[in-house]
Amino acid sequence: MVNGIMHSKESINLEECSRKIIKGMVNRKRELVIPEKLKLLTLLNLLFPSLAEKIVMGKVKEQE
Protein backbone atom coordinates (compact mmCIF):
# COMPACT_ATOMS: atom_id res chain seq x y z
CA MET A 1 0.00 0.00 0.00
CA VAL A 2 1.33 3.44 -0.95
CA ASN A 3 -0.41 6.63 0.18
CA GLY A 4 -3.48 4.60 1.12
CA ILE A 5 -3.72 2.99 -2.34
CA MET A 6 -3.51 -0.78 -2.68
CA HIS A 7 -1.42 -2.01 -5.60
CA SER A 8 -1.85 -5.37 -7.27
CA LYS A 9 0.81 -8.07 -7.24
CA GLU A 10 1.44 -7.15 -10.89
CA SER A 11 2.53 -3.61 -9.96
CA ILE A 12 6.11 -2.58 -10.59
CA ASN A 13 8.05 -1.33 -7.58
CA LEU A 14 9.44 2.19 -7.34
CA GLU A 15 13.11 1.19 -7.59
CA GLU A 16 12.61 -0.89 -10.75
CA CYS A 17 10.51 1.84 -12.34
CA SER A 18 13.15 4.47 -11.50
CA ARG A 19 15.92 2.35 -13.02
CA LYS A 20 13.94 1.90 -16.24
CA ILE A 21 13.24 5.64 -16.48
CA ILE A 22 16.91 6.53 -15.96
CA LYS A 23 18.00 3.88 -18.49
CA GLY A 24 15.49 5.30 -20.97
CA MET A 25 16.85 8.81 -20.43
CA VAL A 26 20.45 7.66 -20.89
CA ASN A 27 19.46 5.86 -24.11
CA ARG A 28 17.47 8.94 -25.22
CA LYS A 29 14.22 6.99 -25.59
CA ARG A 30 11.26 9.11 -26.60
CA GLU A 31 8.77 6.69 -25.03
CA LEU A 32 8.86 4.15 -22.24
CA VAL A 33 6.26 1.51 -21.55
CA ILE A 34 6.47 0.32 -17.97
CA PRO A 35 5.84 -2.53 -17.25
CA GLU A 36 6.97 -4.05 -20.53
CA LYS A 37 3.96 -6.36 -20.75
CA LEU A 38 1.91 -3.26 -21.63
CA LYS A 39 3.77 -2.81 -24.93
CA LEU A 40 1.12 -4.98 -26.54
CA LEU A 41 -1.53 -2.59 -25.24
CA THR A 42 0.09 0.34 -27.06
CA LEU A 43 -0.07 -1.61 -30.33
CA LEU A 44 -3.66 -2.61 -29.61
CA ASN A 45 -4.48 1.04 -28.96
CA LEU A 46 -3.11 2.01 -32.37
CA LEU A 47 -5.15 -0.64 -34.16
CA PHE A 48 -8.28 -0.85 -32.02
CA PRO A 49 -8.51 2.13 -29.65
CA SER A 50 -12.01 1.37 -28.39
CA LEU A 51 -11.03 -2.20 -27.48
CA ALA A 52 -7.91 -0.98 -25.69
CA GLU A 53 -10.02 1.50 -23.72
CA LYS A 54 -12.48 -1.24 -22.72
CA ILE A 55 -9.64 -3.43 -21.49
CA VAL A 56 -8.06 -0.62 -19.47
CA MET A 57 -11.36 0.52 -17.98
CA GLY A 58 -12.19 -3.07 -17.04
CA LYS A 59 -8.90 -3.36 -15.16
CA VAL A 60 -9.49 -0.01 -13.44
CA LYS A 61 -12.91 -1.16 -12.25
CA GLU A 62 -11.39 -4.41 -10.93
CA GLN A 63 -9.00 -2.36 -8.78
CA GLU A 64 -11.68 -0.13 -7.26
C-alpha atoms as a PDB file:
ATOM      1  CA  MET A   1       0.000   0.000   0.000  1.00  0.00           C
ATOM      2  CA  VAL A   2       1.331   3.436  -0.954  1.00  0.00           C
ATOM      3  CA  ASN A   3      -0.414   6.628   0.184  1.00  0.00           C
ATOM      4  CA  GLY A   4      -3.480   4.596   1.117  1.00  0.00           C
ATOM      5  CA  ILE A   5      -3.716   2.992  -2.338  1.00  0.00           C
ATOM      6  CA  MET A   6      -3.511  -0.785  -2.685  1.00  0.00           C
ATOM      7  CA  HIS A   7      -1.420  -2.012  -5.600  1.00  0.00           C
ATOM      8  CA  SER A   8      -1.851  -5.373  -7.267  1.00  0.00           C
ATOM      9  CA  LYS A   9       0.808  -8.069  -7.239  1.00  0.00           C
ATOM     10  CA  GLU A  10       1.435  -7.150 -10.886  1.00  0.00           C
ATOM     11  CA  SER A  11       2.526  -3.613  -9.958  1.00  0.00           C
ATOM     12  CA  ILE A  12       6.108  -2.582 -10.590  1.00  0.00           C
ATOM     13  CA  ASN A  13       8.054  -1.331  -7.577  1.00  0.00           C
ATOM     14  CA  LEU A  14       9.444   2.186  -7.344  1.00  0.00           C
ATOM     15  CA  GLU A  15      13.107   1.195  -7.592  1.00  0.00           C
ATOM     16  CA  GLU A  16      12.611  -0.887 -10.748  1.00  0.00           C
ATOM     17  CA  CYS A  17      10.513   1.845 -12.344  1.00  0.00           C
ATOM     18  CA  SER A  18      13.145   4.471 -11.504  1.00  0.00           C
ATOM     19  CA  ARG A  19      15.916   2.348 -13.022  1.00  0.00           C
ATOM     20  CA  LYS A  20      13.943   1.900 -16.243  1.00  0.00           C
ATOM     21  CA  ILE A  21      13.242   5.636 -16.478  1.00  0.00           C
ATOM     22  CA  ILE A  22      16.910   6.525 -15.962  1.00  0.00           C
ATOM     23  CA  LYS A  23      17.998   3.883 -18.493  1.00  0.00           C
ATOM     24  CA  GLY A  24      15.492   5.299 -20.973  1.00  0.00           C
ATOM     25  CA  MET A  25      16.849   8.811 -20.428  1.00  0.00           C
ATOM     26  CA  VAL A  26      20.449   7.657 -20.891  1.00  0.00           C
ATOM     27  CA  ASN A  27      19.461   5.864 -24.108  1.00  0.00           C
ATOM     28  CA  ARG A  28      17.469   8.936 -25.215  1.00  0.00           C
ATOM     29  CA  LYS A  29      14.224   6.985 -25.587  1.00  0.00           C
ATOM     30  CA  ARG A  30      11.259   9.107 -26.603  1.00  0.00           C
ATOM     31  CA  GLU A  31       8.774   6.685 -25.028  1.00  0.00           C
ATOM     32  CA  LEU A  32       8.865   4.155 -22.238  1.00  0.00           C
ATOM     33  CA  VAL A  33       6.261   1.511 -21.550  1.00  0.00           C
ATOM     34  CA  ILE A  34       6.471   0.319 -17.968  1.00  0.00           C
ATOM     35  CA  PRO A  35       5.839  -2.530 -17.254  1.00  0.00           C
ATOM     36  CA  GLU A  36       6.965  -4.048 -20.534  1.00  0.00           C
ATOM     37  CA  LYS A  37       3.960  -6.356 -20.755  1.00  0.00           C
ATOM     38  CA  LEU A  38       1.910  -3.259 -21.632  1.00  0.00           C
ATOM     39  CA  LYS A  39       3.770  -2.806 -24.928  1.00  0.00           C
ATOM     40  CA  LEU A  40       1.117  -4.975 -26.540  1.00  0.00           C
ATOM     41  CA  LEU A  41      -1.533  -2.594 -25.244  1.00  0.00           C
ATOM     42  CA  THR A  42       0.087   0.337 -27.063  1.00  0.00           C
ATOM     43  CA  LEU A  43      -0.072  -1.608 -30.329  1.00  0.00           C
ATOM     44  CA  LEU A  44      -3.655  -2.610 -29.611  1.00  0.00           C
ATOM     45  CA  ASN A  45      -4.481   1.043 -28.958  1.00  0.00           C
ATOM     46  CA  LEU A  46      -3.113   2.012 -32.373  1.00  0.00           C
ATOM     47  CA  LEU A  47      -5.147  -0.643 -34.163  1.00  0.00           C
ATOM     48  CA  PHE A  48      -8.285  -0.849 -32.021  1.00  0.00           C
ATOM     49  CA  PRO A  49      -8.506   2.134 -29.649  1.00  0.00           C
ATOM     50  CA  SER A  50     -12.007   1.371 -28.388  1.00  0.00           C
ATOM     51  CA  LEU A  51     -11.027  -2.202 -27.484  1.00  0.00           C
ATOM     52  CA  ALA A  52      -7.908  -0.981 -25.685  1.00  0.00           C
ATOM     53  CA  GLU A  53     -10.017   1.499 -23.719  1.00  0.00           C
ATOM     54  CA  LYS A  54     -12.483  -1.238 -22.716  1.00  0.00           C
ATOM     55  CA  ILE A  55      -9.638  -3.433 -21.490  1.00  0.00           C
ATOM     56  CA  VAL A  56      -8.060  -0.622 -19.466  1.00  0.00           C
ATOM     57  CA  MET A  57     -11.362   0.522 -17.976  1.00  0.00           C
ATOM     58  CA  GLY A  58     -12.191  -3.074 -17.040  1.00  0.00           C
ATOM     59  CA  LYS A  59      -8.898  -3.358 -15.164  1.00  0.00           C
ATOM     60  CA  VAL A  60      -9.489  -0.008 -13.444  1.00  0.00           C
ATOM     61  CA  LYS A  61     -12.914  -1.164 -12.246  1.00  0.00           C
ATOM     62  CA  GLU A  62     -11.390  -4.408 -10.931  1.00  0.00           C
ATOM     63  CA  GLN A  63      -8.996  -2.365  -8.784  1.00  0.00           C
ATOM     64  CA  GLU A  64     -11.683  -0.128  -7.265  1.00  0.00           C
END
